[in-house]
Amino acid sequence: MNYQNHLILIVDDEPINLMMLQKVLRNQFQVKTANSAVEALDILNHEDVSLMITDQRMPGMSGTELLRKSREICPDMACFLLTAENDVGSFLDAIVNLGAICVIKKPWNPEQLLRTIESSLERYEGSNKNKVAINQLKKASEILGKLSKPK
């Protein structure tokens, strides 16, 4: 799979975290960074993002709130929540209610993170292919329905 076709958005208010994640990911993926949730939402409105990794604890808007708002813009995008906290409520909210694929605990393991991203992007691509196929089947069914109606 060619992962260079996928844009990953990293959101964190701490520049060192953005730099470390970008360094690990930039050889395999297209990467954009945002240092706030507001900046991330602007990028989501203008870019085709496949996967977003957001920190939970940020000023102005938490990672889970960003996930909630990003679902309105990009409902199919894969999402990870990154946190140093042990707030089980936030973890459950992110995964159960907001569709996050996983919660990544700091400090994170680079190899494990890459494997998780790769498998998430494979699922993302598979889901997109299924949606395209379903839409094609619906169109074909509509055409057949029109053709089979007596005149």
N, C-alpha and C. Protein backbone atom coordinates (compact mmCIF):
# COMPACT_ATOMS: atom_id res chain seq x y z
N MET A 1 0.84 -1.18 0.00
CA MET A 1 0.00 0.00 0.00
C MET A 1 0.89 1.24 0.00
N ASN A 2 0.49 2.22 -0.80
CA ASN A 2 1.23 3.47 -0.87
C ASN A 2 0.64 4.45 0.16
N TYR A 3 1.34 4.63 1.24
CA TYR A 3 0.84 5.49 2.31
C TYR A 3 1.07 6.97 2.01
N GLN A 4 1.89 7.28 1.01
CA GLN A 4 2.15 8.68 0.66
C GLN A 4 0.90 9.38 0.14
N ASN A 5 -0.12 8.61 -0.25
CA ASN A 5 -1.38 9.20 -0.71
C ASN A 5 -2.22 9.70 0.45
N HIS A 6 -1.82 9.41 1.65
CA HIS A 6 -2.61 9.76 2.83
C HIS A 6 -2.00 10.94 3.57
N LEU A 7 -2.87 11.87 3.95
CA LEU A 7 -2.44 13.02 4.75
C LEU A 7 -2.81 12.76 6.20
N ILE A 8 -1.82 12.87 7.07
CA ILE A 8 -2.03 12.72 8.51
C ILE A 8 -1.91 14.10 9.14
N LEU A 9 -2.90 14.45 9.94
CA LEU A 9 -2.89 15.72 10.66
C LEU A 9 -2.56 15.44 12.13
N ILE A 10 -1.53 16.10 12.61
CA ILE A 10 -1.12 15.97 14.01
C ILE A 10 -1.48 17.28 14.72
N VAL A 11 -2.20 17.14 15.84
CA VAL A 11 -2.66 18.33 16.57
C VAL A 11 -2.14 18.26 18.01
N ASP A 12 -1.35 19.26 18.38
CA ASP A 12 -0.83 19.33 19.74
C ASP A 12 -0.37 20.76 19.99
N ASP A 13 -0.59 21.26 21.18
CA ASP A 13 -0.18 22.63 21.50
C ASP A 13 1.29 22.72 21.91
N GLU A 14 1.94 21.58 22.07
CA GLU A 14 3.35 21.57 22.44
C GLU A 14 4.21 21.30 21.21
N PRO A 15 5.02 22.29 20.78
CA PRO A 15 5.82 22.16 19.56
C PRO A 15 6.75 20.93 19.55
N ILE A 16 7.29 20.56 20.71
CA ILE A 16 8.20 19.42 20.75
C ILE A 16 7.47 18.13 20.39
N ASN A 17 6.21 18.00 20.84
CA ASN A 17 5.42 16.82 20.49
C ASN A 17 5.12 16.77 19.00
N LEU A 18 4.76 17.91 18.43
CA LEU A 18 4.53 17.99 16.98
C LEU A 18 5.78 17.58 16.22
N MET A 19 6.92 18.11 16.65
CA MET A 19 8.19 17.83 15.97
C MET A 19 8.54 16.33 16.04
N MET A 20 8.37 15.73 17.21
CA MET A 20 8.72 14.31 17.37
C MET A 20 7.81 13.43 16.52
N LEU A 21 6.51 13.68 16.54
CA LEU A 21 5.59 12.88 15.73
C LEU A 21 5.85 13.08 14.25
N GLN A 22 6.06 14.32 13.85
CA GLN A 22 6.33 14.59 12.45
C GLN A 22 7.60 13.89 11.99
N LYS A 23 8.62 13.87 12.81
CA LYS A 23 9.89 13.21 12.47
C LYS A 23 9.69 11.71 12.24
N VAL A 24 8.87 11.09 13.07
CA VAL A 24 8.62 9.65 12.95
C VAL A 24 7.79 9.33 11.70
N LEU A 25 6.85 10.21 11.34
CA LEU A 25 5.88 9.92 10.29
C LEU A 25 6.26 10.42 8.90
N ARG A 26 7.08 11.44 8.81
CA ARG A 26 7.27 12.13 7.53
C ARG A 26 7.88 11.29 6.41
N ASN A 27 8.60 10.22 6.72
CA ASN A 27 9.18 9.39 5.67
C ASN A 27 8.17 8.49 4.98
N GLN A 28 7.07 8.19 5.65
CA GLN A 28 6.06 7.28 5.10
C GLN A 28 4.77 7.96 4.70
N PHE A 29 4.50 9.12 5.25
CA PHE A 29 3.20 9.76 5.05
C PHE A 29 3.36 11.24 4.75
N GLN A 30 2.32 11.82 4.16
CA GLN A 30 2.21 13.27 4.11
C GLN A 30 1.77 13.70 5.50
N VAL A 31 2.39 14.73 6.04
CA VAL A 31 2.08 15.14 7.41
C VAL A 31 1.84 16.65 7.45
N LYS A 32 0.78 17.04 8.12
CA LYS A 32 0.52 18.45 8.45
C LYS A 32 0.40 18.53 9.95
N THR A 33 0.77 19.67 10.50
CA THR A 33 0.64 19.86 11.94
C THR A 33 -0.22 21.09 12.22
N ALA A 34 -0.85 21.05 13.38
CA ALA A 34 -1.64 22.18 13.88
C ALA A 34 -1.34 22.30 15.36
N ASN A 35 -1.13 23.54 15.83
CA ASN A 35 -0.82 23.72 17.26
C ASN A 35 -2.05 24.10 18.07
N SER A 36 -3.25 24.01 17.45
CA SER A 36 -4.49 24.23 18.18
C SER A 36 -5.63 23.52 17.47
N ALA A 37 -6.70 23.31 18.21
CA ALA A 37 -7.88 22.67 17.63
C ALA A 37 -8.50 23.56 16.55
N VAL A 38 -8.48 24.87 16.77
CA VAL A 38 -9.05 25.80 15.78
C VAL A 38 -8.28 25.70 14.46
N GLU A 39 -6.96 25.66 14.54
CA GLU A 39 -6.13 25.51 13.34
C GLU A 39 -6.42 24.16 12.67
N ALA A 40 -6.59 23.12 13.46
CA ALA A 40 -6.89 21.79 12.92
C ALA A 40 -8.22 21.80 12.16
N LEU A 41 -9.23 22.43 12.73
CA LEU A 41 -10.54 22.49 12.07
C LEU A 41 -10.45 23.24 10.74
N ASP A 42 -9.63 24.28 10.69
CA ASP A 42 -9.42 25.01 9.44
C ASP A 42 -8.78 24.10 8.40
N ILE A 43 -7.78 23.34 8.80
CA ILE A 43 -7.14 22.41 7.87
C ILE A 43 -8.13 21.36 7.40
N LEU A 44 -8.93 20.82 8.30
CA LEU A 44 -9.93 19.82 7.93
C LEU A 44 -10.94 20.36 6.93
N ASN A 45 -11.24 21.64 7.01
CA ASN A 45 -12.17 22.26 6.06
C ASN A 45 -11.56 22.45 4.67
N HIS A 46 -10.23 22.39 4.56
CA HIS A 46 -9.58 22.68 3.28
C HIS A 46 -8.73 21.55 2.72
N GLU A 47 -8.49 20.52 3.50
CA GLU A 47 -7.60 19.43 3.08
C GLU A 47 -8.32 18.10 3.19
N ASP A 48 -7.87 17.13 2.43
CA ASP A 48 -8.41 15.78 2.48
C ASP A 48 -7.55 14.95 3.45
N VAL A 49 -7.93 14.96 4.71
CA VAL A 49 -7.16 14.29 5.76
C VAL A 49 -7.67 12.87 5.95
N SER A 50 -6.76 11.90 5.91
CA SER A 50 -7.12 10.50 6.11
C SER A 50 -7.14 10.12 7.58
N LEU A 51 -6.20 10.69 8.36
CA LEU A 51 -6.06 10.31 9.76
C LEU A 51 -5.62 11.51 10.57
N MET A 52 -6.23 11.68 11.74
CA MET A 52 -5.86 12.77 12.64
C MET A 52 -5.42 12.17 13.97
N ILE A 53 -4.30 12.68 14.47
CA ILE A 53 -3.82 12.34 15.81
C ILE A 53 -3.89 13.62 16.62
N THR A 54 -4.70 13.62 17.68
CA THR A 54 -4.84 14.83 18.49
C THR A 54 -4.52 14.57 19.95
N ASP A 55 -3.84 15.53 20.53
CA ASP A 55 -3.59 15.49 21.96
C ASP A 55 -4.91 15.77 22.69
N GLN A 56 -5.09 15.21 23.85
CA GLN A 56 -6.31 15.43 24.63
C GLN A 56 -6.30 16.78 25.33
N ARG A 57 -5.20 17.08 25.98
CA ARG A 57 -5.16 18.28 26.82
C ARG A 57 -4.53 19.44 26.04
N MET A 58 -5.41 20.34 25.58
CA MET A 58 -4.97 21.54 24.86
C MET A 58 -5.80 22.72 25.35
N PRO A 59 -5.23 23.91 25.33
CA PRO A 59 -6.02 25.08 25.74
C PRO A 59 -7.12 25.38 24.73
N GLY A 60 -8.25 25.82 25.22
CA GLY A 60 -9.34 26.22 24.35
C GLY A 60 -10.31 25.12 23.98
N MET A 61 -9.79 23.98 23.58
CA MET A 61 -10.64 22.87 23.16
C MET A 61 -9.88 21.56 23.38
N SER A 62 -10.51 20.63 24.07
CA SER A 62 -9.86 19.34 24.33
C SER A 62 -9.82 18.50 23.06
N GLY A 63 -9.01 17.47 23.10
CA GLY A 63 -8.94 16.55 21.97
C GLY A 63 -10.26 15.87 21.69
N THR A 64 -10.99 15.49 22.73
CA THR A 64 -12.28 14.83 22.50
C THR A 64 -13.28 15.81 21.88
N GLU A 65 -13.24 17.07 22.26
CA GLU A 65 -14.12 18.06 21.64
C GLU A 65 -13.73 18.28 20.18
N LEU A 66 -12.42 18.28 19.90
CA LEU A 66 -11.96 18.39 18.51
C LEU A 66 -12.46 17.19 17.70
N LEU A 67 -12.38 15.99 18.28
CA LEU A 67 -12.90 14.81 17.58
C LEU A 67 -14.38 14.99 17.26
N ARG A 68 -15.14 15.47 18.22
CA ARG A 68 -16.58 15.68 18.03
C ARG A 68 -16.84 16.65 16.86
N LYS A 69 -16.13 17.77 16.84
CA LYS A 69 -16.33 18.77 15.79
C LYS A 69 -15.78 18.29 14.46
N SER A 70 -14.69 17.53 14.49
CA SER A 70 -14.10 17.06 13.23
C SER A 70 -15.00 16.04 12.54
N ARG A 71 -15.80 15.30 13.30
CA ARG A 71 -16.73 14.32 12.72
C ARG A 71 -17.78 14.99 11.84
N GLU A 72 -18.12 16.25 12.16
CA GLU A 72 -19.07 17.00 11.34
C GLU A 72 -18.46 17.34 9.98
N ILE A 73 -17.16 17.51 9.93
CA ILE A 73 -16.46 17.89 8.70
C ILE A 73 -16.01 16.66 7.93
N CYS A 74 -15.40 15.70 8.63
CA CYS A 74 -14.82 14.50 8.01
C CYS A 74 -15.32 13.25 8.75
N PRO A 75 -16.54 12.83 8.48
CA PRO A 75 -17.10 11.72 9.26
C PRO A 75 -16.36 10.39 9.11
N ASP A 76 -15.63 10.20 8.01
CA ASP A 76 -14.97 8.92 7.76
C ASP A 76 -13.50 8.90 8.14
N MET A 77 -12.95 10.03 8.53
CA MET A 77 -11.53 10.12 8.85
C MET A 77 -11.18 9.23 10.05
N ALA A 78 -10.04 8.57 9.98
CA ALA A 78 -9.55 7.79 11.11
C ALA A 78 -8.97 8.76 12.15
N CYS A 79 -9.19 8.48 13.44
CA CYS A 79 -8.74 9.39 14.50
C CYS A 79 -8.10 8.62 15.65
N PHE A 80 -7.04 9.22 16.20
CA PHE A 80 -6.38 8.72 17.41
C PHE A 80 -6.39 9.85 18.43
N LEU A 81 -6.52 9.48 19.68
CA LEU A 81 -6.40 10.44 20.79
C LEU A 81 -5.08 10.14 21.49
N LEU A 82 -4.28 11.17 21.70
CA LEU A 82 -2.98 11.05 22.33
C LEU A 82 -3.05 11.71 23.70
N THR A 83 -2.62 11.01 24.74
CA THR A 83 -2.75 11.58 26.08
C THR A 83 -1.72 11.01 27.05
N ALA A 84 -1.40 11.81 28.04
CA ALA A 84 -0.58 11.36 29.16
C ALA A 84 -1.45 11.06 30.37
N GLU A 85 -2.72 11.36 30.26
CA GLU A 85 -3.67 11.20 31.36
C GLU A 85 -4.19 9.77 31.46
N ASN A 86 -4.81 9.47 32.58
CA ASN A 86 -5.44 8.17 32.78
C ASN A 86 -6.95 8.31 32.96
N ASP A 87 -7.55 9.25 32.24
CA ASP A 87 -8.97 9.54 32.36
C ASP A 87 -9.78 8.54 31.53
N VAL A 88 -10.26 7.49 32.18
CA VAL A 88 -10.99 6.43 31.49
C VAL A 88 -12.25 6.99 30.81
N GLY A 89 -12.88 7.97 31.42
CA GLY A 89 -14.07 8.58 30.82
C GLY A 89 -13.78 9.21 29.47
N SER A 90 -12.65 9.91 29.37
CA SER A 90 -12.25 10.51 28.08
C SER A 90 -11.92 9.43 27.07
N PHE A 91 -11.26 8.35 27.52
CA PHE A 91 -10.91 7.25 26.61
C PHE A 91 -12.18 6.64 26.03
N LEU A 92 -13.14 6.34 26.91
CA LEU A 92 -14.39 5.73 26.47
C LEU A 92 -15.16 6.66 25.54
N ASP A 93 -15.23 7.93 25.89
CA ASP A 93 -15.92 8.90 25.05
C ASP A 93 -15.28 8.94 23.67
N ALA A 94 -13.95 8.99 23.62
CA ALA A 94 -13.24 9.07 22.35
C ALA A 94 -13.51 7.84 21.47
N ILE A 95 -13.50 6.67 22.07
CA ILE A 95 -13.64 5.44 21.29
C ILE A 95 -15.11 5.10 21.02
N VAL A 96 -15.93 5.11 22.04
CA VAL A 96 -17.32 4.68 21.89
C VAL A 96 -18.18 5.72 21.19
N ASN A 97 -18.08 6.97 21.60
CA ASN A 97 -18.97 8.00 21.08
C ASN A 97 -18.42 8.78 19.90
N LEU A 98 -17.10 8.88 19.80
CA LEU A 98 -16.51 9.75 18.78
C LEU A 98 -15.77 8.99 17.69
N GLY A 99 -15.74 7.68 17.77
CA GLY A 99 -15.15 6.88 16.70
C GLY A 99 -13.64 6.87 16.62
N ALA A 100 -12.96 7.24 17.70
CA ALA A 100 -11.50 7.14 17.68
C ALA A 100 -11.11 5.68 17.58
N ILE A 101 -10.09 5.41 16.80
CA ILE A 101 -9.64 4.03 16.64
C ILE A 101 -8.90 3.56 17.88
N CYS A 102 -8.13 4.46 18.46
CA CYS A 102 -7.41 4.07 19.68
C CYS A 102 -7.00 5.31 20.47
N VAL A 103 -6.63 5.05 21.69
CA VAL A 103 -6.06 6.07 22.57
C VAL A 103 -4.60 5.69 22.75
N ILE A 104 -3.72 6.62 22.43
CA ILE A 104 -2.28 6.37 22.53
C ILE A 104 -1.76 7.07 23.78
N LYS A 105 -1.16 6.29 24.64
CA LYS A 105 -0.61 6.84 25.89
C LYS A 105 0.80 7.36 25.65
N LYS A 106 1.08 8.53 26.24
CA LYS A 106 2.43 9.07 26.24
C LYS A 106 3.20 8.43 27.38
N PRO A 107 4.45 8.13 27.25
CA PRO A 107 5.23 8.21 26.01
C PRO A 107 4.85 7.08 25.06
N TRP A 108 4.85 7.35 23.78
CA TRP A 108 4.43 6.38 22.78
C TRP A 108 5.64 5.71 22.16
N ASN A 109 5.42 4.52 21.63
CA ASN A 109 6.46 3.72 20.99
C ASN A 109 6.38 3.97 19.48
N PRO A 110 7.45 4.49 18.85
CA PRO A 110 7.38 4.83 17.42
C PRO A 110 6.99 3.66 16.51
N GLU A 111 7.57 2.48 16.73
CA GLU A 111 7.26 1.33 15.87
C GLU A 111 5.80 0.90 16.03
N GLN A 112 5.32 0.89 17.25
CA GLN A 112 3.93 0.51 17.50
C GLN A 112 2.98 1.55 16.90
N LEU A 113 3.32 2.82 17.02
CA LEU A 113 2.51 3.87 16.44
C LEU A 113 2.42 3.71 14.92
N LEU A 114 3.55 3.46 14.27
CA LEU A 114 3.56 3.26 12.81
C LEU A 114 2.69 2.08 12.40
N ARG A 115 2.80 0.97 13.11
CA ARG A 115 1.97 -0.22 12.79
C ARG A 115 0.49 0.10 12.95
N THR A 116 0.15 0.81 14.01
CA THR A 116 -1.26 1.15 14.25
C THR A 116 -1.77 2.09 13.16
N ILE A 117 -0.97 3.04 12.75
CA ILE A 117 -1.37 3.96 11.68
C ILE A 117 -1.56 3.19 10.37
N GLU A 118 -0.60 2.33 10.05
CA GLU A 118 -0.70 1.56 8.80
C GLU A 118 -1.97 0.71 8.76
N SER A 119 -2.25 0.00 9.85
CA SER A 119 -3.45 -0.84 9.85
C SER A 119 -4.72 0.01 9.81
N SER A 120 -4.70 1.17 10.44
CA SER A 120 -5.86 2.06 10.41
C SER A 120 -6.09 2.61 9.01
N LEU A 121 -5.02 2.95 8.31
CA LEU A 121 -5.17 3.46 6.94
C LEU A 121 -5.63 2.36 5.99
N GLU A 122 -5.23 1.13 6.24
CA GLU A 122 -5.73 0.02 5.42
C GLU A 122 -7.23 -0.14 5.61
N ARG A 123 -7.70 -0.05 6.84
CA ARG A 123 -9.15 -0.11 7.10
C ARG A 123 -9.86 1.09 6.49
N TYR A 124 -9.26 2.26 6.58
CA TYR A 124 -9.82 3.49 6.01
C TYR A 124 -9.99 3.33 4.49
N GLU A 125 -8.96 2.82 3.83
CA GLU A 125 -9.04 2.61 2.38
C GLU A 125 -10.10 1.57 2.03
N GLY A 126 -10.14 0.49 2.79
CA GLY A 126 -11.14 -0.54 2.55
C GLY A 126 -12.55 0.00 2.70
N SER A 127 -12.76 0.80 3.71
CA SER A 127 -14.07 1.40 3.94
C SER A 127 -14.45 2.33 2.79
N ASN A 128 -13.49 3.12 2.32
CA ASN A 128 -13.76 4.03 1.20
C ASN A 128 -14.08 3.24 -0.08
N LYS A 129 -13.37 2.16 -0.32
CA LYS A 129 -13.65 1.33 -1.50
C LYS A 129 -15.04 0.71 -1.41
N ASN A 130 -15.42 0.28 -0.22
CA ASN A 130 -16.77 -0.28 -0.04
C ASN A 130 -17.84 0.77 -0.31
N LYS A 131 -17.63 2.00 0.14
CA LYS A 131 -18.61 3.06 -0.09
C LYS A 131 -18.73 3.37 -1.58
N VAL A 132 -17.62 3.39 -2.29
CA VAL A 132 -17.66 3.63 -3.74
C VAL A 132 -18.43 2.50 -4.42
N ALA A 133 -18.14 1.26 -4.04
CA ALA A 133 -18.84 0.12 -4.64
C ALA A 133 -20.34 0.16 -4.35
N ILE A 134 -20.71 0.51 -3.15
CA ILE A 134 -22.13 0.60 -2.78
C ILE A 134 -22.83 1.69 -3.60
N ASN A 135 -22.17 2.83 -3.75
CA ASN A 135 -22.75 3.90 -4.56
C ASN A 135 -22.91 3.49 -6.01
N GLN A 136 -21.94 2.76 -6.55
CA GLN A 136 -22.04 2.27 -7.92
C GLN A 136 -23.19 1.28 -8.06
N LEU A 137 -23.36 0.41 -7.08
CA LEU A 137 -24.47 -0.54 -7.11
C LEU A 137 -25.82 0.17 -7.03
N LYS A 138 -25.92 1.21 -6.20
CA LYS A 138 -27.16 1.97 -6.10
C LYS A 138 -27.51 2.63 -7.43
N LYS A 139 -26.50 3.23 -8.09
CA LYS A 139 -26.73 3.86 -9.39
C LYS A 139 -27.15 2.84 -10.42
N ALA A 140 -26.48 1.69 -10.43
CA ALA A 140 -26.84 0.63 -11.39
C ALA A 140 -28.25 0.13 -11.13
N SER A 141 -28.62 0.00 -9.87
CA SER A 141 -29.96 -0.45 -9.52
C SER A 141 -31.01 0.56 -9.97
N GLU A 142 -30.72 1.84 -9.81
CA GLU A 142 -31.64 2.88 -10.26
C GLU A 142 -31.82 2.82 -11.78
N ILE A 143 -30.74 2.64 -12.49
CA ILE A 143 -30.80 2.56 -13.95
C ILE A 143 -31.61 1.34 -14.38
N LEU A 144 -31.34 0.20 -13.73
CA LEU A 144 -32.09 -1.02 -14.06
C LEU A 144 -33.58 -0.86 -13.74
N GLY A 145 -33.86 -0.18 -12.63
CA GLY A 145 -35.25 0.07 -12.26
C GLY A 145 -35.97 0.91 -13.30
N LYS A 146 -35.30 1.91 -13.83
CA LYS A 146 -35.88 2.76 -14.87
C LYS A 146 -36.07 1.98 -16.17
N LEU A 147 -35.13 1.12 -16.51
CA LEU A 147 -35.19 0.36 -17.74
C LEU A 147 -36.28 -0.72 -17.69
N SER A 148 -36.53 -1.24 -16.51
CA SER A 148 -37.49 -2.35 -16.38
C SER A 148 -38.93 -1.88 -16.23
N LYS A 149 -39.14 -0.59 -16.05
CA LYS A 149 -40.52 -0.07 -15.94
C LYS A 149 -41.20 -0.10 -17.30
N PRO A 150 -42.44 -0.59 -17.34
CA PRO A 150 -43.16 -0.58 -18.62
C PRO A 150 -43.47 0.86 -19.05
N LYS A 151 -43.45 1.04 -20.35
CA LYS A 151 -43.73 2.38 -20.90
C LYS A 151 -45.17 2.57 -21.22
